[in-house]
Amino acid sequence: IAELKLMIDGLEKERDFYFGKLRDIELMCQESQEEQPPIVQKILDVLYATE
């Protein structure tokens, strides 16, 4: 059981790490909405896709 808890902790840290990166990308895309190249909207579409 202790081994599983360690594995879960590691997975949660990894999840949080990548979630933070995605959040940073989202904020950068939102900041550049005045002169938004088409690629920025495509990135936001991917971030907000539900499936």
PDB file of N, CA and C in Angstrom:
ATOM      1  N   ILE A   1       0.831  -1.202   0.000  1.00  0.00           N
ATOM      2  CA  ILE A   1       0.000   0.000   0.000  1.00  0.00           C
ATOM      3  C   ILE A   1       0.872   1.260   0.000  1.00  0.00           C
ATOM      4  N   ALA A   2       1.937   1.253   0.769  1.00  0.00           N
ATOM      5  CA  ALA A   2       2.823   2.419   0.826  1.00  0.00           C
ATOM      6  C   ALA A   2       3.428   2.692  -0.547  1.00  0.00           C
ATOM      7  N   GLU A   3       3.743   1.626  -1.275  1.00  0.00           N
ATOM      8  CA  GLU A   3       4.310   1.791  -2.614  1.00  0.00           C
ATOM      9  C   GLU A   3       3.305   2.452  -3.551  1.00  0.00           C
ATOM     10  N   LEU A   4       2.049   2.078  -3.434  1.00  0.00           N
ATOM     11  CA  LEU A   4       1.004   2.688  -4.263  1.00  0.00           C
ATOM     12  C   LEU A   4       0.824   4.162  -3.927  1.00  0.00           C
ATOM     13  N   LYS A   5       0.901   4.501  -2.649  1.00  0.00           N
ATOM     14  CA  LYS A   5       0.781   5.902  -2.248  1.00  0.00           C
ATOM     15  C   LYS A   5       1.918   6.735  -2.832  1.00  0.00           C
ATOM     16  N   LEU A   6       3.134   6.176  -2.815  1.00  0.00           N
ATOM     17  CA  LEU A   6       4.270   6.883  -3.409  1.00  0.00           C
ATOM     18  C   LEU A   6       4.063   7.068  -4.905  1.00  0.00           C
ATOM     19  N   MET A   7       3.537   6.040  -5.547  1.00  0.00           N
ATOM     20  CA  MET A   7       3.290   6.132  -6.979  1.00  0.00           C
ATOM     21  C   MET A   7       2.230   7.194  -7.271  1.00  0.00           C
ATOM     22  N   ILE A   8       1.179   7.225  -6.474  1.00  0.00           N
ATOM     23  CA  ILE A   8       0.123   8.227  -6.646  1.00  0.00           C
ATOM     24  C   ILE A   8       0.683   9.629  -6.430  1.00  0.00           C
ATOM     25  N   ASP A   9       1.502   9.799  -5.407  1.00  0.00           N
ATOM     26  CA  ASP A   9       2.109  11.109  -5.146  1.00  0.00           C
ATOM     27  C   ASP A   9       2.942  11.571  -6.339  1.00  0.00           C
ATOM     28  N   GLY A  10       3.716  10.653  -6.909  1.00  0.00           N
ATOM     29  CA  GLY A  10       4.528  10.995  -8.074  1.00  0.00           C
ATOM     30  C   GLY A  10       3.673  11.385  -9.260  1.00  0.00           C
ATOM     31  N   LEU A  11       2.601  10.641  -9.479  1.00  0.00           N
ATOM     32  CA  LEU A  11       1.703  10.949 -10.592  1.00  0.00           C
ATOM     33  C   LEU A  11       0.998  12.284 -10.393  1.00  0.00           C
ATOM     34  N   GLU A  12       0.616  12.581  -9.158  1.00  0.00           N
ATOM     35  CA  GLU A  12      -0.034  13.862  -8.884  1.00  0.00           C
ATOM     36  C   GLU A  12       0.929  15.028  -9.101  1.00  0.00           C
ATOM     37  N   LYS A  13       2.191  14.856  -8.712  1.00  0.00           N
ATOM     38  CA  LYS A  13       3.185  15.911  -8.951  1.00  0.00           C
ATOM     39  C   LYS A  13       3.367  16.140 -10.443  1.00  0.00           C
ATOM     40  N   GLU A  14       3.437  15.047 -11.203  1.00  0.00           N
ATOM     41  CA  GLU A  14       3.598  15.163 -12.652  1.00  0.00           C
ATOM     42  C   GLU A  14       2.381  15.838 -13.276  1.00  0.00           C
ATOM     43  N   ARG A  15       1.190  15.449 -12.831  1.00  0.00           N
ATOM     44  CA  ARG A  15      -0.041  16.066 -13.329  1.00  0.00           C
ATOM     45  C   ARG A  15      -0.035  17.563 -13.060  1.00  0.00           C
ATOM     46  N   ASP A  16       0.304  17.945 -11.843  1.00  0.00           N
ATOM     47  CA  ASP A  16       0.315  19.360 -11.473  1.00  0.00           C
ATOM     48  C   ASP A  16       1.356  20.142 -12.272  1.00  0.00           C
ATOM     49  N   PHE A  17       2.499  19.514 -12.535  1.00  0.00           N
ATOM     50  CA  PHE A  17       3.551  20.148 -13.323  1.00  0.00           C
ATOM     51  C   PHE A  17       3.041  20.480 -14.721  1.00  0.00           C
ATOM     52  N   TYR A  18       2.443  19.501 -15.387  1.00  0.00           N
ATOM     53  CA  TYR A  18       1.967  19.729 -16.751  1.00  0.00           C
ATOM     54  C   TYR A  18       0.732  20.629 -16.783  1.00  0.00           C
ATOM     55  N   PHE A  19      -0.108  20.544 -15.771  1.00  0.00           N
ATOM     56  CA  PHE A  19      -1.251  21.450 -15.694  1.00  0.00           C
ATOM     57  C   PHE A  19      -0.761  22.896 -15.589  1.00  0.00           C
ATOM     58  N   GLY A  20       0.271  23.122 -14.792  1.00  0.00           N
ATOM     59  CA  GLY A  20       0.838  24.461 -14.653  1.00  0.00           C
ATOM     60  C   GLY A  20       1.377  24.988 -15.974  1.00  0.00           C
ATOM     61  N   LYS A  21       2.025  24.114 -16.738  1.00  0.00           N
ATOM     62  CA  LYS A  21       2.532  24.525 -18.050  1.00  0.00           C
ATOM     63  C   LYS A  21       1.381  24.911 -18.975  1.00  0.00           C
ATOM     64  N   LEU A  22       0.326  24.108 -18.980  1.00  0.00           N
ATOM     65  CA  LEU A  22      -0.826  24.415 -19.827  1.00  0.00           C
ATOM     66  C   LEU A  22      -1.487  25.718 -19.398  1.00  0.00           C
ATOM     67  N   ARG A  23      -1.542  25.951 -18.114  1.00  0.00           N
ATOM     68  CA  ARG A  23      -2.130  27.193 -17.599  1.00  0.00           C
ATOM     69  C   ARG A  23      -1.301  28.399 -18.058  1.00  0.00           C
ATOM     70  N   ASP A  24       0.018  28.271 -18.014  1.00  0.00           N
ATOM     71  CA  ASP A  24       0.885  29.355 -18.482  1.00  0.00           C
ATOM     72  C   ASP A  24       0.662  29.637 -19.965  1.00  0.00           C
ATOM     73  N   ILE A  25       0.526  28.578 -20.759  1.00  0.00           N
ATOM     74  CA  ILE A  25       0.268  28.744 -22.194  1.00  0.00           C
ATOM     75  C   ILE A  25      -1.069  29.444 -22.406  1.00  0.00           C
ATOM     76  N   GLU A  26      -2.075  29.041 -21.639  1.00  0.00           N
ATOM     77  CA  GLU A  26      -3.393  29.668 -21.747  1.00  0.00           C
ATOM     78  C   GLU A  26      -3.307  31.163 -21.456  1.00  0.00           C
ATOM     79  N   LEU A  27      -2.606  31.527 -20.402  1.00  0.00           N
ATOM     80  CA  LEU A  27      -2.481  32.942 -20.037  1.00  0.00           C
ATOM     81  C   LEU A  27      -1.743  33.731 -21.109  1.00  0.00           C
ATOM     82  N   MET A  28      -0.689  33.148 -21.683  1.00  0.00           N
ATOM     83  CA  MET A  28       0.039  33.833 -22.753  1.00  0.00           C
ATOM     84  C   MET A  28      -0.860  34.061 -23.962  1.00  0.00           C
ATOM     85  N   CYS A  29      -1.673  33.083 -24.285  1.00  0.00           N
ATOM     86  CA  CYS A  29      -2.580  33.220 -25.430  1.00  0.00           C
ATOM     87  C   CYS A  29      -3.633  34.291 -25.165  1.00  0.00           C
ATOM     88  N   GLN A  30      -4.134  34.350 -23.947  1.00  0.00           N
ATOM     89  CA  GLN A  30      -5.152  35.336 -23.617  1.00  0.00           C
ATOM     90  C   GLN A  30      -4.577  36.749 -23.600  1.00  0.00           C
ATOM     91  N   GLU A  31      -3.318  36.894 -23.217  1.00  0.00           N
ATOM     92  CA  GLU A  31      -2.685  38.216 -23.170  1.00  0.00           C
ATOM     93  C   GLU A  31      -2.524  38.818 -24.558  1.00  0.00           C
ATOM     94  N   SER A  32      -2.367  37.994 -25.552  1.00  0.00           N
ATOM     95  CA  SER A  32      -2.091  38.497 -26.902  1.00  0.00           C
ATOM     96  C   SER A  32      -3.350  38.571 -27.760  1.00  0.00           C
ATOM     97  N   GLN A  33      -4.491  38.824 -27.155  1.00  0.00           N
ATOM     98  CA  GLN A  33      -5.738  38.820 -27.915  1.00  0.00           C
ATOM     99  C   GLN A  33      -5.891  40.022 -28.841  1.00  0.00           C
ATOM    100  N   GLU A  34      -5.159  41.105 -28.609  1.00  0.00           N
ATOM    101  CA  GLU A  34      -5.267  42.271 -29.487  1.00  0.00           C
ATOM    102  C   GLU A  34      -4.774  41.941 -30.893  1.00  0.00           C
ATOM    103  N   GLU A  35      -3.596  41.372 -30.980  1.00  0.00           N
ATOM    104  CA  GLU A  35      -3.012  41.004 -32.272  1.00  0.00           C
ATOM    105  C   GLU A  35      -2.850  39.491 -32.303  1.00  0.00           C
ATOM    106  N   GLN A  36      -3.954  38.805 -32.323  1.00  0.00           N
ATOM    107  CA  GLN A  36      -3.926  37.358 -32.186  1.00  0.00           C
ATOM    108  C   GLN A  36      -3.761  36.663 -33.537  1.00  0.00           C
ATOM    109  N   PRO A  37      -2.599  36.055 -33.780  1.00  0.00           N
ATOM    110  CA  PRO A  37      -2.453  35.286 -35.012  1.00  0.00           C
ATOM    111  C   PRO A  37      -3.356  34.049 -34.965  1.00  0.00           C
ATOM    112  N   PRO A  38      -3.699  33.495 -36.109  1.00  0.00           N
ATOM    113  CA  PRO A  38      -4.602  32.336 -36.136  1.00  0.00           C
ATOM    114  C   PRO A  38      -4.119  31.159 -35.284  1.00  0.00           C
ATOM    115  N   ILE A  39      -2.819  30.986 -35.156  1.00  0.00           N
ATOM    116  CA  ILE A  39      -2.308  29.853 -34.377  1.00  0.00           C
ATOM    117  C   ILE A  39      -2.701  29.965 -32.911  1.00  0.00           C
ATOM    118  N   VAL A  40      -2.807  31.177 -32.403  1.00  0.00           N
ATOM    119  CA  VAL A  40      -3.174  31.365 -31.000  1.00  0.00           C
ATOM    120  C   VAL A  40      -4.592  30.865 -30.765  1.00  0.00           C
ATOM    121  N   GLN A  41      -5.510  31.166 -31.662  1.00  0.00           N
ATOM    122  CA  GLN A  41      -6.877  30.675 -31.510  1.00  0.00           C
ATOM    123  C   GLN A  41      -6.918  29.153 -31.614  1.00  0.00           C
ATOM    124  N   LYS A  42      -6.097  28.588 -32.467  1.00  0.00           N
ATOM    125  CA  LYS A  42      -6.042  27.125 -32.584  1.00  0.00           C
ATOM    126  C   LYS A  42      -5.532  26.492 -31.292  1.00  0.00           C
ATOM    127  N   ILE A  43      -4.546  27.131 -30.669  1.00  0.00           N
ATOM    128  CA  ILE A  43      -4.028  26.629 -29.393  1.00  0.00           C
ATOM    129  C   ILE A  43      -5.117  26.685 -28.333  1.00  0.00           C
ATOM    130  N   LEU A  44      -5.840  27.796 -28.267  1.00  0.00           N
ATOM    131  CA  LEU A  44      -6.928  27.913 -27.300  1.00  0.00           C
ATOM    132  C   LEU A  44      -8.017  26.881 -27.569  1.00  0.00           C
ATOM    133  N   ASP A  45      -8.305  26.615 -28.831  1.00  0.00           N
ATOM    134  CA  ASP A  45      -9.298  25.591 -29.166  1.00  0.00           C
ATOM    135  C   ASP A  45      -8.883  24.228 -28.620  1.00  0.00           C
ATOM    136  N   VAL A  46      -7.608  23.907 -28.744  1.00  0.00           N
ATOM    137  CA  VAL A  46      -7.111  22.629 -28.216  1.00  0.00           C
ATOM    138  C   VAL A  46      -7.209  22.613 -26.696  1.00  0.00           C
ATOM    139  N   LEU A  47      -6.831  23.712 -26.053  1.00  0.00           N
ATOM    140  CA  LEU A  47      -6.873  23.760 -24.592  1.00  0.00           C
ATOM    141  C   LEU A  47      -8.291  23.622 -24.050  1.00  0.00           C
ATOM    142  N   TYR A  48      -9.261  24.171 -24.765  1.00  0.00           N
ATOM    143  CA  TYR A  48     -10.636  24.166 -24.271  1.00  0.00           C
ATOM    144  C   TYR A  48     -11.465  22.999 -24.788  1.00  0.00           C
ATOM    145  N   ALA A  49     -10.893  22.156 -25.632  1.00  0.00           N
ATOM    146  CA  ALA A  49     -11.635  21.000 -26.147  1.00  0.00           C
ATOM    147  C   ALA A  49     -11.974  20.055 -24.990  1.00  0.00           C
ATOM    148  N   THR A  50     -13.164  19.496 -25.038  1.00  0.00           N
ATOM    149  CA  THR A  50     -13.591  18.605 -23.955  1.00  0.00           C
ATOM    150  C   THR A  50     -13.307  17.138 -24.248  1.00  0.00           C
ATOM    151  N   GLU A  51     -12.996  16.806 -25.464  1.00  0.00           N
ATOM    152  CA  GLU A  51     -12.648  15.411 -25.783  1.00  0.00           C
ATOM    153  C   GLU A  51     -11.423  15.349 -26.626  1.00  0.00           C
TER     154      GLU A  51
END
